[in-house]
Amino acid sequence: KTVKFIITRQDTPESAPYEEEFEV
């Protein structure tokens, strides 16, 4: 019923990347 995503995110070009999980 749902699909899980782990997305690598980065707020600005200089900031460090991090992962955030979502379910749709």
PDBML (XML) file of the C-alpha atoms, coordinates in Angstrom:
<?xml version="1.0" encoding="UTF-8" ?>
<PDBx:datablock datablockName="MODEL"
   xmlns:PDBx="http://pdbml.pdb.org/schema/pdbx-v50.xsd"
   xmlns:xsi="http://www.w3.org/2001/XMLSchema-instance"
   xsi:schemaLocation="http://pdbml.pdb.org/schema/pdbx-v50.xsd pdbx-v50.xsd">
   <PDBx:atom_siteCategory>
      <PDBx:atom_site id="1">
         <PDBx:B_iso_or_equiv>0.00</PDBx:B_iso_or_equiv>
         <PDBx:Cartn_x>0.000</PDBx:Cartn_x>
         <PDBx:Cartn_y>0.000</PDBx:Cartn_y>
         <PDBx:Cartn_z>0.000</PDBx:Cartn_z>
         <PDBx:auth_asym_id>A</PDBx:auth_asym_id>
         <PDBx:auth_atom_id>CA</PDBx:auth_atom_id>
         <PDBx:auth_comp_id>LYS</PDBx:auth_comp_id>
         <PDBx:auth_seq_id>1</PDBx:auth_seq_id>
         <PDBx:group_PDB>ATOM</PDBx:group_PDB>
         <PDBx:label_alt_id xsi:nil="true" />
         <PDBx:label_asym_id>A</PDBx:label_asym_id>
         <PDBx:label_atom_id>CA</PDBx:label_atom_id>
         <PDBx:label_comp_id>LYS</PDBx:label_comp_id>
         <PDBx:label_entity_id>1</PDBx:label_entity_id>
         <PDBx:label_seq_id>1</PDBx:label_seq_id>
         <PDBx:occupancy>1.00</PDBx:occupancy>
         <PDBx:pdbx_PDB_model_num>1</PDBx:pdbx_PDB_model_num>
         <PDBx:type_symbol>C</PDBx:type_symbol>
      </PDBx:atom_site>
      <PDBx:atom_site id="2">
         <PDBx:B_iso_or_equiv>0.00</PDBx:B_iso_or_equiv>
         <PDBx:Cartn_x>2.958</PDBx:Cartn_x>
         <PDBx:Cartn_y>2.374</PDBx:Cartn_y>
         <PDBx:Cartn_z>0.371</PDBx:Cartn_z>
         <PDBx:auth_asym_id>A</PDBx:auth_asym_id>
         <PDBx:auth_atom_id>CA</PDBx:auth_atom_id>
         <PDBx:auth_comp_id>THR</PDBx:auth_comp_id>
         <PDBx:auth_seq_id>2</PDBx:auth_seq_id>
         <PDBx:group_PDB>ATOM</PDBx:group_PDB>
         <PDBx:label_alt_id xsi:nil="true" />
         <PDBx:label_asym_id>A</PDBx:label_asym_id>
         <PDBx:label_atom_id>CA</PDBx:label_atom_id>
         <PDBx:label_comp_id>THR</PDBx:label_comp_id>
         <PDBx:label_entity_id>1</PDBx:label_entity_id>
         <PDBx:label_seq_id>2</PDBx:label_seq_id>
         <PDBx:occupancy>1.00</PDBx:occupancy>
         <PDBx:pdbx_PDB_model_num>1</PDBx:pdbx_PDB_model_num>
         <PDBx:type_symbol>C</PDBx:type_symbol>
      </PDBx:atom_site>
      <PDBx:atom_site id="3">
         <PDBx:B_iso_or_equiv>0.00</PDBx:B_iso_or_equiv>
         <PDBx:Cartn_x>6.320</PDBx:Cartn_x>
         <PDBx:Cartn_y>2.933</PDBx:Cartn_y>
         <PDBx:Cartn_z>-1.277</PDBx:Cartn_z>
         <PDBx:auth_asym_id>A</PDBx:auth_asym_id>
         <PDBx:auth_atom_id>CA</PDBx:auth_atom_id>
         <PDBx:auth_comp_id>VAL</PDBx:auth_comp_id>
         <PDBx:auth_seq_id>3</PDBx:auth_seq_id>
         <PDBx:group_PDB>ATOM</PDBx:group_PDB>
         <PDBx:label_alt_id xsi:nil="true" />
         <PDBx:label_asym_id>A</PDBx:label_asym_id>
         <PDBx:label_atom_id>CA</PDBx:label_atom_id>
         <PDBx:label_comp_id>VAL</PDBx:label_comp_id>
         <PDBx:label_entity_id>1</PDBx:label_entity_id>
         <PDBx:label_seq_id>3</PDBx:label_seq_id>
         <PDBx:occupancy>1.00</PDBx:occupancy>
         <PDBx:pdbx_PDB_model_num>1</PDBx:pdbx_PDB_model_num>
         <PDBx:type_symbol>C</PDBx:type_symbol>
      </PDBx:atom_site>
      <PDBx:atom_site id="4">
         <PDBx:B_iso_or_equiv>0.00</PDBx:B_iso_or_equiv>
         <PDBx:Cartn_x>9.348</PDBx:Cartn_x>
         <PDBx:Cartn_y>3.868</PDBx:Cartn_y>
         <PDBx:Cartn_z>0.798</PDBx:Cartn_z>
         <PDBx:auth_asym_id>A</PDBx:auth_asym_id>
         <PDBx:auth_atom_id>CA</PDBx:auth_atom_id>
         <PDBx:auth_comp_id>LYS</PDBx:auth_comp_id>
         <PDBx:auth_seq_id>4</PDBx:auth_seq_id>
         <PDBx:group_PDB>ATOM</PDBx:group_PDB>
         <PDBx:label_alt_id xsi:nil="true" />
         <PDBx:label_asym_id>A</PDBx:label_asym_id>
         <PDBx:label_atom_id>CA</PDBx:label_atom_id>
         <PDBx:label_comp_id>LYS</PDBx:label_comp_id>
         <PDBx:label_entity_id>1</PDBx:label_entity_id>
         <PDBx:label_seq_id>4</PDBx:label_seq_id>
         <PDBx:occupancy>1.00</PDBx:occupancy>
         <PDBx:pdbx_PDB_model_num>1</PDBx:pdbx_PDB_model_num>
         <PDBx:type_symbol>C</PDBx:type_symbol>
      </PDBx:atom_site>
      <PDBx:atom_site id="5">
         <PDBx:B_iso_or_equiv>0.00</PDBx:B_iso_or_equiv>
         <PDBx:Cartn_x>11.928</PDBx:Cartn_x>
         <PDBx:Cartn_y>6.372</PDBx:Cartn_y>
         <PDBx:Cartn_z>-0.462</PDBx:Cartn_z>
         <PDBx:auth_asym_id>A</PDBx:auth_asym_id>
         <PDBx:auth_atom_id>CA</PDBx:auth_atom_id>
         <PDBx:auth_comp_id>PHE</PDBx:auth_comp_id>
         <PDBx:auth_seq_id>5</PDBx:auth_seq_id>
         <PDBx:group_PDB>ATOM</PDBx:group_PDB>
         <PDBx:label_alt_id xsi:nil="true" />
         <PDBx:label_asym_id>A</PDBx:label_asym_id>
         <PDBx:label_atom_id>CA</PDBx:label_atom_id>
         <PDBx:label_comp_id>PHE</PDBx:label_comp_id>
         <PDBx:label_entity_id>1</PDBx:label_entity_id>
         <PDBx:label_seq_id>5</PDBx:label_seq_id>
         <PDBx:occupancy>1.00</PDBx:occupancy>
         <PDBx:pdbx_PDB_model_num>1</PDBx:pdbx_PDB_model_num>
         <PDBx:type_symbol>C</PDBx:type_symbol>
      </PDBx:atom_site>
      <PDBx:atom_site id="6">
         <PDBx:B_iso_or_equiv>0.00</PDBx:B_iso_or_equiv>
         <PDBx:Cartn_x>15.303</PDBx:Cartn_x>
         <PDBx:Cartn_y>7.261</PDBx:Cartn_y>
         <PDBx:Cartn_z>1.030</PDBx:Cartn_z>
         <PDBx:auth_asym_id>A</PDBx:auth_asym_id>
         <PDBx:auth_atom_id>CA</PDBx:auth_atom_id>
         <PDBx:auth_comp_id>ILE</PDBx:auth_comp_id>
         <PDBx:auth_seq_id>6</PDBx:auth_seq_id>
         <PDBx:group_PDB>ATOM</PDBx:group_PDB>
         <PDBx:label_alt_id xsi:nil="true" />
         <PDBx:label_asym_id>A</PDBx:label_asym_id>
         <PDBx:label_atom_id>CA</PDBx:label_atom_id>
         <PDBx:label_comp_id>ILE</PDBx:label_comp_id>
         <PDBx:label_entity_id>1</PDBx:label_entity_id>
         <PDBx:label_seq_id>6</PDBx:label_seq_id>
         <PDBx:occupancy>1.00</PDBx:occupancy>
         <PDBx:pdbx_PDB_model_num>1</PDBx:pdbx_PDB_model_num>
         <PDBx:type_symbol>C</PDBx:type_symbol>
      </PDBx:atom_site>
      <PDBx:atom_site id="7">
         <PDBx:B_iso_or_equiv>0.00</PDBx:B_iso_or_equiv>
         <PDBx:Cartn_x>16.319</PDBx:Cartn_x>
         <PDBx:Cartn_y>10.588</PDBx:Cartn_y>
         <PDBx:Cartn_z>-0.496</PDBx:Cartn_z>
         <PDBx:auth_asym_id>A</PDBx:auth_asym_id>
         <PDBx:auth_atom_id>CA</PDBx:auth_atom_id>
         <PDBx:auth_comp_id>ILE</PDBx:auth_comp_id>
         <PDBx:auth_seq_id>7</PDBx:auth_seq_id>
         <PDBx:group_PDB>ATOM</PDBx:group_PDB>
         <PDBx:label_alt_id xsi:nil="true" />
         <PDBx:label_asym_id>A</PDBx:label_asym_id>
         <PDBx:label_atom_id>CA</PDBx:label_atom_id>
         <PDBx:label_comp_id>ILE</PDBx:label_comp_id>
         <PDBx:label_entity_id>1</PDBx:label_entity_id>
         <PDBx:label_seq_id>7</PDBx:label_seq_id>
         <PDBx:occupancy>1.00</PDBx:occupancy>
         <PDBx:pdbx_PDB_model_num>1</PDBx:pdbx_PDB_model_num>
         <PDBx:type_symbol>C</PDBx:type_symbol>
      </PDBx:atom_site>
      <PDBx:atom_site id="8">
         <PDBx:B_iso_or_equiv>0.00</PDBx:B_iso_or_equiv>
         <PDBx:Cartn_x>19.725</PDBx:Cartn_x>
         <PDBx:Cartn_y>12.230</PDBx:Cartn_y>
         <PDBx:Cartn_z>-0.243</PDBx:Cartn_z>
         <PDBx:auth_asym_id>A</PDBx:auth_asym_id>
         <PDBx:auth_atom_id>CA</PDBx:auth_atom_id>
         <PDBx:auth_comp_id>THR</PDBx:auth_comp_id>
         <PDBx:auth_seq_id>8</PDBx:auth_seq_id>
         <PDBx:group_PDB>ATOM</PDBx:group_PDB>
         <PDBx:label_alt_id xsi:nil="true" />
         <PDBx:label_asym_id>A</PDBx:label_asym_id>
         <PDBx:label_atom_id>CA</PDBx:label_atom_id>
         <PDBx:label_comp_id>THR</PDBx:label_comp_id>
         <PDBx:label_entity_id>1</PDBx:label_entity_id>
         <PDBx:label_seq_id>8</PDBx:label_seq_id>
         <PDBx:occupancy>1.00</PDBx:occupancy>
         <PDBx:pdbx_PDB_model_num>1</PDBx:pdbx_PDB_model_num>
         <PDBx:type_symbol>C</PDBx:type_symbol>
      </PDBx:atom_site>
      <PDBx:atom_site id="9">
         <PDBx:B_iso_or_equiv>0.00</PDBx:B_iso_or_equiv>
         <PDBx:Cartn_x>19.056</PDBx:Cartn_x>
         <PDBx:Cartn_y>15.876</PDBx:Cartn_y>
         <PDBx:Cartn_z>0.469</PDBx:Cartn_z>
         <PDBx:auth_asym_id>A</PDBx:auth_asym_id>
         <PDBx:auth_atom_id>CA</PDBx:auth_atom_id>
         <PDBx:auth_comp_id>ARG</PDBx:auth_comp_id>
         <PDBx:auth_seq_id>9</PDBx:auth_seq_id>
         <PDBx:group_PDB>ATOM</PDBx:group_PDB>
         <PDBx:label_alt_id xsi:nil="true" />
         <PDBx:label_asym_id>A</PDBx:label_asym_id>
         <PDBx:label_atom_id>CA</PDBx:label_atom_id>
         <PDBx:label_comp_id>ARG</PDBx:label_comp_id>
         <PDBx:label_entity_id>1</PDBx:label_entity_id>
         <PDBx:label_seq_id>9</PDBx:label_seq_id>
         <PDBx:occupancy>1.00</PDBx:occupancy>
         <PDBx:pdbx_PDB_model_num>1</PDBx:pdbx_PDB_model_num>
         <PDBx:type_symbol>C</PDBx:type_symbol>
      </PDBx:atom_site>
      <PDBx:atom_site id="10">
         <PDBx:B_iso_or_equiv>0.00</PDBx:B_iso_or_equiv>
         <PDBx:Cartn_x>21.192</PDBx:Cartn_x>
         <PDBx:Cartn_y>19.018</PDBx:Cartn_y>
         <PDBx:Cartn_z>0.630</PDBx:Cartn_z>
         <PDBx:auth_asym_id>A</PDBx:auth_asym_id>
         <PDBx:auth_atom_id>CA</PDBx:auth_atom_id>
         <PDBx:auth_comp_id>GLN</PDBx:auth_comp_id>
         <PDBx:auth_seq_id>10</PDBx:auth_seq_id>
         <PDBx:group_PDB>ATOM</PDBx:group_PDB>
         <PDBx:label_alt_id xsi:nil="true" />
         <PDBx:label_asym_id>A</PDBx:label_asym_id>
         <PDBx:label_atom_id>CA</PDBx:label_atom_id>
         <PDBx:label_comp_id>GLN</PDBx:label_comp_id>
         <PDBx:label_entity_id>1</PDBx:label_entity_id>
         <PDBx:label_seq_id>10</PDBx:label_seq_id>
         <PDBx:occupancy>1.00</PDBx:occupancy>
         <PDBx:pdbx_PDB_model_num>1</PDBx:pdbx_PDB_model_num>
         <PDBx:type_symbol>C</PDBx:type_symbol>
      </PDBx:atom_site>
      <PDBx:atom_site id="11">
         <PDBx:B_iso_or_equiv>0.00</PDBx:B_iso_or_equiv>
         <PDBx:Cartn_x>19.801</PDBx:Cartn_x>
         <PDBx:Cartn_y>22.363</PDBx:Cartn_y>
         <PDBx:Cartn_z>1.710</PDBx:Cartn_z>
         <PDBx:auth_asym_id>A</PDBx:auth_asym_id>
         <PDBx:auth_atom_id>CA</PDBx:auth_atom_id>
         <PDBx:auth_comp_id>ASP</PDBx:auth_comp_id>
         <PDBx:auth_seq_id>11</PDBx:auth_seq_id>
         <PDBx:group_PDB>ATOM</PDBx:group_PDB>
         <PDBx:label_alt_id xsi:nil="true" />
         <PDBx:label_asym_id>A</PDBx:label_asym_id>
         <PDBx:label_atom_id>CA</PDBx:label_atom_id>
         <PDBx:label_comp_id>ASP</PDBx:label_comp_id>
         <PDBx:label_entity_id>1</PDBx:label_entity_id>
         <PDBx:label_seq_id>11</PDBx:label_seq_id>
         <PDBx:occupancy>1.00</PDBx:occupancy>
         <PDBx:pdbx_PDB_model_num>1</PDBx:pdbx_PDB_model_num>
         <PDBx:type_symbol>C</PDBx:type_symbol>
      </PDBx:atom_site>
      <PDBx:atom_site id="12">
         <PDBx:B_iso_or_equiv>0.00</PDBx:B_iso_or_equiv>
         <PDBx:Cartn_x>22.411</PDBx:Cartn_x>
         <PDBx:Cartn_y>24.568</PDBx:Cartn_y>
         <PDBx:Cartn_z>0.011</PDBx:Cartn_z>
         <PDBx:auth_asym_id>A</PDBx:auth_asym_id>
         <PDBx:auth_atom_id>CA</PDBx:auth_atom_id>
         <PDBx:auth_comp_id>THR</PDBx:auth_comp_id>
         <PDBx:auth_seq_id>12</PDBx:auth_seq_id>
         <PDBx:group_PDB>ATOM</PDBx:group_PDB>
         <PDBx:label_alt_id xsi:nil="true" />
         <PDBx:label_asym_id>A</PDBx:label_asym_id>
         <PDBx:label_atom_id>CA</PDBx:label_atom_id>
         <PDBx:label_comp_id>THR</PDBx:label_comp_id>
         <PDBx:label_entity_id>1</PDBx:label_entity_id>
         <PDBx:label_seq_id>12</PDBx:label_seq_id>
         <PDBx:occupancy>1.00</PDBx:occupancy>
         <PDBx:pdbx_PDB_model_num>1</PDBx:pdbx_PDB_model_num>
         <PDBx:type_symbol>C</PDBx:type_symbol>
      </PDBx:atom_site>
      <PDBx:atom_site id="13">
         <PDBx:B_iso_or_equiv>0.00</PDBx:B_iso_or_equiv>
         <PDBx:Cartn_x>25.374</PDBx:Cartn_x>
         <PDBx:Cartn_y>24.013</PDBx:Cartn_y>
         <PDBx:Cartn_z>-2.326</PDBx:Cartn_z>
         <PDBx:auth_asym_id>A</PDBx:auth_asym_id>
         <PDBx:auth_atom_id>CA</PDBx:auth_atom_id>
         <PDBx:auth_comp_id>PRO</PDBx:auth_comp_id>
         <PDBx:auth_seq_id>13</PDBx:auth_seq_id>
         <PDBx:group_PDB>ATOM</PDBx:group_PDB>
         <PDBx:label_alt_id xsi:nil="true" />
         <PDBx:label_asym_id>A</PDBx:label_asym_id>
         <PDBx:label_atom_id>CA</PDBx:label_atom_id>
         <PDBx:label_comp_id>PRO</PDBx:label_comp_id>
         <PDBx:label_entity_id>1</PDBx:label_entity_id>
         <PDBx:label_seq_id>13</PDBx:label_seq_id>
         <PDBx:occupancy>1.00</PDBx:occupancy>
         <PDBx:pdbx_PDB_model_num>1</PDBx:pdbx_PDB_model_num>
         <PDBx:type_symbol>C</PDBx:type_symbol>
      </PDBx:atom_site>
      <PDBx:atom_site id="14">
         <PDBx:B_iso_or_equiv>0.00</PDBx:B_iso_or_equiv>
         <PDBx:Cartn_x>27.734</PDBx:Cartn_x>
         <PDBx:Cartn_y>24.410</PDBx:Cartn_y>
         <PDBx:Cartn_z>0.645</PDBx:Cartn_z>
         <PDBx:auth_asym_id>A</PDBx:auth_asym_id>
         <PDBx:auth_atom_id>CA</PDBx:auth_atom_id>
         <PDBx:auth_comp_id>GLU</PDBx:auth_comp_id>
         <PDBx:auth_seq_id>14</PDBx:auth_seq_id>
         <PDBx:group_PDB>ATOM</PDBx:group_PDB>
         <PDBx:label_alt_id xsi:nil="true" />
         <PDBx:label_asym_id>A</PDBx:label_asym_id>
         <PDBx:label_atom_id>CA</PDBx:label_atom_id>
         <PDBx:label_comp_id>GLU</PDBx:label_comp_id>
         <PDBx:label_entity_id>1</PDBx:label_entity_id>
         <PDBx:label_seq_id>14</PDBx:label_seq_id>
         <PDBx:occupancy>1.00</PDBx:occupancy>
         <PDBx:pdbx_PDB_model_num>1</PDBx:pdbx_PDB_model_num>
         <PDBx:type_symbol>C</PDBx:type_symbol>
      </PDBx:atom_site>
      <PDBx:atom_site id="15">
         <PDBx:B_iso_or_equiv>0.00</PDBx:B_iso_or_equiv>
         <PDBx:Cartn_x>25.857</PDBx:Cartn_x>
         <PDBx:Cartn_y>22.394</PDBx:Cartn_y>
         <PDBx:Cartn_z>3.288</PDBx:Cartn_z>
         <PDBx:auth_asym_id>A</PDBx:auth_asym_id>
         <PDBx:auth_atom_id>CA</PDBx:auth_atom_id>
         <PDBx:auth_comp_id>SER</PDBx:auth_comp_id>
         <PDBx:auth_seq_id>15</PDBx:auth_seq_id>
         <PDBx:group_PDB>ATOM</PDBx:group_PDB>
         <PDBx:label_alt_id xsi:nil="true" />
         <PDBx:label_asym_id>A</PDBx:label_asym_id>
         <PDBx:label_atom_id>CA</PDBx:label_atom_id>
         <PDBx:label_comp_id>SER</PDBx:label_comp_id>
         <PDBx:label_entity_id>1</PDBx:label_entity_id>
         <PDBx:label_seq_id>15</PDBx:label_seq_id>
         <PDBx:occupancy>1.00</PDBx:occupancy>
         <PDBx:pdbx_PDB_model_num>1</PDBx:pdbx_PDB_model_num>
         <PDBx:type_symbol>C</PDBx:type_symbol>
      </PDBx:atom_site>
      <PDBx:atom_site id="16">
         <PDBx:B_iso_or_equiv>0.00</PDBx:B_iso_or_equiv>
         <PDBx:Cartn_x>26.435</PDBx:Cartn_x>
         <PDBx:Cartn_y>18.721</PDBx:Cartn_y>
         <PDBx:Cartn_z>4.068</PDBx:Cartn_z>
         <PDBx:auth_asym_id>A</PDBx:auth_asym_id>
         <PDBx:auth_atom_id>CA</PDBx:auth_atom_id>
         <PDBx:auth_comp_id>ALA</PDBx:auth_comp_id>
         <PDBx:auth_seq_id>16</PDBx:auth_seq_id>
         <PDBx:group_PDB>ATOM</PDBx:group_PDB>
         <PDBx:label_alt_id xsi:nil="true" />
         <PDBx:label_asym_id>A</PDBx:label_asym_id>
         <PDBx:label_atom_id>CA</PDBx:label_atom_id>
         <PDBx:label_comp_id>ALA</PDBx:label_comp_id>
         <PDBx:label_entity_id>1</PDBx:label_entity_id>
         <PDBx:label_seq_id>16</PDBx:label_seq_id>
         <PDBx:occupancy>1.00</PDBx:occupancy>
         <PDBx:pdbx_PDB_model_num>1</PDBx:pdbx_PDB_model_num>
         <PDBx:type_symbol>C</PDBx:type_symbol>
      </PDBx:atom_site>
      <PDBx:atom_site id="17">
         <PDBx:B_iso_or_equiv>0.00</PDBx:B_iso_or_equiv>
         <PDBx:Cartn_x>24.147</PDBx:Cartn_x>
         <PDBx:Cartn_y>16.111</PDBx:Cartn_y>
         <PDBx:Cartn_z>2.480</PDBx:Cartn_z>
         <PDBx:auth_asym_id>A</PDBx:auth_asym_id>
         <PDBx:auth_atom_id>CA</PDBx:auth_atom_id>
         <PDBx:auth_comp_id>PRO</PDBx:auth_comp_id>
         <PDBx:auth_seq_id>17</PDBx:auth_seq_id>
         <PDBx:group_PDB>ATOM</PDBx:group_PDB>
         <PDBx:label_alt_id xsi:nil="true" />
         <PDBx:label_asym_id>A</PDBx:label_asym_id>
         <PDBx:label_atom_id>CA</PDBx:label_atom_id>
         <PDBx:label_comp_id>PRO</PDBx:label_comp_id>
         <PDBx:label_entity_id>1</PDBx:label_entity_id>
         <PDBx:label_seq_id>17</PDBx:label_seq_id>
         <PDBx:occupancy>1.00</PDBx:occupancy>
         <PDBx:pdbx_PDB_model_num>1</PDBx:pdbx_PDB_model_num>
         <PDBx:type_symbol>C</PDBx:type_symbol>
      </PDBx:atom_site>
      <PDBx:atom_site id="18">
         <PDBx:B_iso_or_equiv>0.00</PDBx:B_iso_or_equiv>
         <PDBx:Cartn_x>21.830</PDBx:Cartn_x>
         <PDBx:Cartn_y>14.010</PDBx:Cartn_y>
         <PDBx:Cartn_z>4.638</PDBx:Cartn_z>
         <PDBx:auth_asym_id>A</PDBx:auth_asym_id>
         <PDBx:auth_atom_id>CA</PDBx:auth_atom_id>
         <PDBx:auth_comp_id>TYR</PDBx:auth_comp_id>
         <PDBx:auth_seq_id>18</PDBx:auth_seq_id>
         <PDBx:group_PDB>ATOM</PDBx:group_PDB>
         <PDBx:label_alt_id xsi:nil="true" />
         <PDBx:label_asym_id>A</PDBx:label_asym_id>
         <PDBx:label_atom_id>CA</PDBx:label_atom_id>
         <PDBx:label_comp_id>TYR</PDBx:label_comp_id>
         <PDBx:label_entity_id>1</PDBx:label_entity_id>
         <PDBx:label_seq_id>18</PDBx:label_seq_id>
         <PDBx:occupancy>1.00</PDBx:occupancy>
         <PDBx:pdbx_PDB_model_num>1</PDBx:pdbx_PDB_model_num>
         <PDBx:type_symbol>C</PDBx:type_symbol>
      </PDBx:atom_site>
      <PDBx:atom_site id="19">
         <PDBx:B_iso_or_equiv>0.00</PDBx:B_iso_or_equiv>
         <PDBx:Cartn_x>19.227</PDBx:Cartn_x>
         <PDBx:Cartn_y>11.311</PDBx:Cartn_y>
         <PDBx:Cartn_z>4.106</PDBx:Cartn_z>
         <PDBx:auth_asym_id>A</PDBx:auth_asym_id>
         <PDBx:auth_atom_id>CA</PDBx:auth_atom_id>
         <PDBx:auth_comp_id>GLU</PDBx:auth_comp_id>
         <PDBx:auth_seq_id>19</PDBx:auth_seq_id>
         <PDBx:group_PDB>ATOM</PDBx:group_PDB>
         <PDBx:label_alt_id xsi:nil="true" />
         <PDBx:label_asym_id>A</PDBx:label_asym_id>
         <PDBx:label_atom_id>CA</PDBx:label_atom_id>
         <PDBx:label_comp_id>GLU</PDBx:label_comp_id>
         <PDBx:label_entity_id>1</PDBx:label_entity_id>
         <PDBx:label_seq_id>19</PDBx:label_seq_id>
         <PDBx:occupancy>1.00</PDBx:occupancy>
         <PDBx:pdbx_PDB_model_num>1</PDBx:pdbx_PDB_model_num>
         <PDBx:type_symbol>C</PDBx:type_symbol>
      </PDBx:atom_site>
      <PDBx:atom_site id="20">
         <PDBx:B_iso_or_equiv>0.00</PDBx:B_iso_or_equiv>
         <PDBx:Cartn_x>15.514</PDBx:Cartn_x>
         <PDBx:Cartn_y>11.629</PDBx:Cartn_y>
         <PDBx:Cartn_z>4.743</PDBx:Cartn_z>
         <PDBx:auth_asym_id>A</PDBx:auth_asym_id>
         <PDBx:auth_atom_id>CA</PDBx:auth_atom_id>
         <PDBx:auth_comp_id>GLU</PDBx:auth_comp_id>
         <PDBx:auth_seq_id>20</PDBx:auth_seq_id>
         <PDBx:group_PDB>ATOM</PDBx:group_PDB>
         <PDBx:label_alt_id xsi:nil="true" />
         <PDBx:label_asym_id>A</PDBx:label_asym_id>
         <PDBx:label_atom_id>CA</PDBx:label_atom_id>
         <PDBx:label_comp_id>GLU</PDBx:label_comp_id>
         <PDBx:label_entity_id>1</PDBx:label_entity_id>
         <PDBx:label_seq_id>20</PDBx:label_seq_id>
         <PDBx:occupancy>1.00</PDBx:occupancy>
         <PDBx:pdbx_PDB_model_num>1</PDBx:pdbx_PDB_model_num>
         <PDBx:type_symbol>C</PDBx:type_symbol>
      </PDBx:atom_site>
      <PDBx:atom_site id="21">
         <PDBx:B_iso_or_equiv>0.00</PDBx:B_iso_or_equiv>
         <PDBx:Cartn_x>12.911</PDBx:Cartn_x>
         <PDBx:Cartn_y>8.877</PDBx:Cartn_y>
         <PDBx:Cartn_z>4.470</PDBx:Cartn_z>
         <PDBx:auth_asym_id>A</PDBx:auth_asym_id>
         <PDBx:auth_atom_id>CA</PDBx:auth_atom_id>
         <PDBx:auth_comp_id>GLU</PDBx:auth_comp_id>
         <PDBx:auth_seq_id>21</PDBx:auth_seq_id>
         <PDBx:group_PDB>ATOM</PDBx:group_PDB>
         <PDBx:label_alt_id xsi:nil="true" />
         <PDBx:label_asym_id>A</PDBx:label_asym_id>
         <PDBx:label_atom_id>CA</PDBx:label_atom_id>
         <PDBx:label_comp_id>GLU</PDBx:label_comp_id>
         <PDBx:label_entity_id>1</PDBx:label_entity_id>
         <PDBx:label_seq_id>21</PDBx:label_seq_id>
         <PDBx:occupancy>1.00</PDBx:occupancy>
         <PDBx:pdbx_PDB_model_num>1</PDBx:pdbx_PDB_model_num>
         <PDBx:type_symbol>C</PDBx:type_symbol>
      </PDBx:atom_site>
      <PDBx:atom_site id="22">
         <PDBx:B_iso_or_equiv>0.00</PDBx:B_iso_or_equiv>
         <PDBx:Cartn_x>9.419</PDBx:Cartn_x>
         <PDBx:Cartn_y>9.214</PDBx:Cartn_y>
         <PDBx:Cartn_z>3.025</PDBx:Cartn_z>
         <PDBx:auth_asym_id>A</PDBx:auth_asym_id>
         <PDBx:auth_atom_id>CA</PDBx:auth_atom_id>
         <PDBx:auth_comp_id>PHE</PDBx:auth_comp_id>
         <PDBx:auth_seq_id>22</PDBx:auth_seq_id>
         <PDBx:group_PDB>ATOM</PDBx:group_PDB>
         <PDBx:label_alt_id xsi:nil="true" />
         <PDBx:label_asym_id>A</PDBx:label_asym_id>
         <PDBx:label_atom_id>CA</PDBx:label_atom_id>
         <PDBx:label_comp_id>PHE</PDBx:label_comp_id>
         <PDBx:label_entity_id>1</PDBx:label_entity_id>
         <PDBx:label_seq_id>22</PDBx:label_seq_id>
         <PDBx:occupancy>1.00</PDBx:occupancy>
         <PDBx:pdbx_PDB_model_num>1</PDBx:pdbx_PDB_model_num>
         <PDBx:type_symbol>C</PDBx:type_symbol>
      </PDBx:atom_site>
      <PDBx:atom_site id="23">
         <PDBx:B_iso_or_equiv>0.00</PDBx:B_iso_or_equiv>
         <PDBx:Cartn_x>6.494</PDBx:Cartn_x>
         <PDBx:Cartn_y>6.908</PDBx:Cartn_y>
         <PDBx:Cartn_z>2.353</PDBx:Cartn_z>
         <PDBx:auth_asym_id>A</PDBx:auth_asym_id>
         <PDBx:auth_atom_id>CA</PDBx:auth_atom_id>
         <PDBx:auth_comp_id>GLU</PDBx:auth_comp_id>
         <PDBx:auth_seq_id>23</PDBx:auth_seq_id>
         <PDBx:group_PDB>ATOM</PDBx:group_PDB>
         <PDBx:label_alt_id xsi:nil="true" />
         <PDBx:label_asym_id>A</PDBx:label_asym_id>
         <PDBx:label_atom_id>CA</PDBx:label_atom_id>
         <PDBx:label_comp_id>GLU</PDBx:label_comp_id>
         <PDBx:label_entity_id>1</PDBx:label_entity_id>
         <PDBx:label_seq_id>23</PDBx:label_seq_id>
         <PDBx:occupancy>1.00</PDBx:occupancy>
         <PDBx:pdbx_PDB_model_num>1</PDBx:pdbx_PDB_model_num>
         <PDBx:type_symbol>C</PDBx:type_symbol>
      </PDBx:atom_site>
      <PDBx:atom_site id="24">
         <PDBx:B_iso_or_equiv>0.00</PDBx:B_iso_or_equiv>
         <PDBx:Cartn_x>3.936</PDBx:Cartn_x>
         <PDBx:Cartn_y>7.618</PDBx:Cartn_y>
         <PDBx:Cartn_z>-0.339</PDBx:Cartn_z>
         <PDBx:auth_asym_id>A</PDBx:auth_asym_id>
         <PDBx:auth_atom_id>CA</PDBx:auth_atom_id>
         <PDBx:auth_comp_id>VAL</PDBx:auth_comp_id>
         <PDBx:auth_seq_id>24</PDBx:auth_seq_id>
         <PDBx:group_PDB>ATOM</PDBx:group_PDB>
         <PDBx:label_alt_id xsi:nil="true" />
         <PDBx:label_asym_id>A</PDBx:label_asym_id>
         <PDBx:label_atom_id>CA</PDBx:label_atom_id>
         <PDBx:label_comp_id>VAL</PDBx:label_comp_id>
         <PDBx:label_entity_id>1</PDBx:label_entity_id>
         <PDBx:label_seq_id>24</PDBx:label_seq_id>
         <PDBx:occupancy>1.00</PDBx:occupancy>
         <PDBx:pdbx_PDB_model_num>1</PDBx:pdbx_PDB_model_num>
         <PDBx:type_symbol>C</PDBx:type_symbol>
      </PDBx:atom_site>
   </PDBx:atom_siteCategory>
</PDBx:datablock>
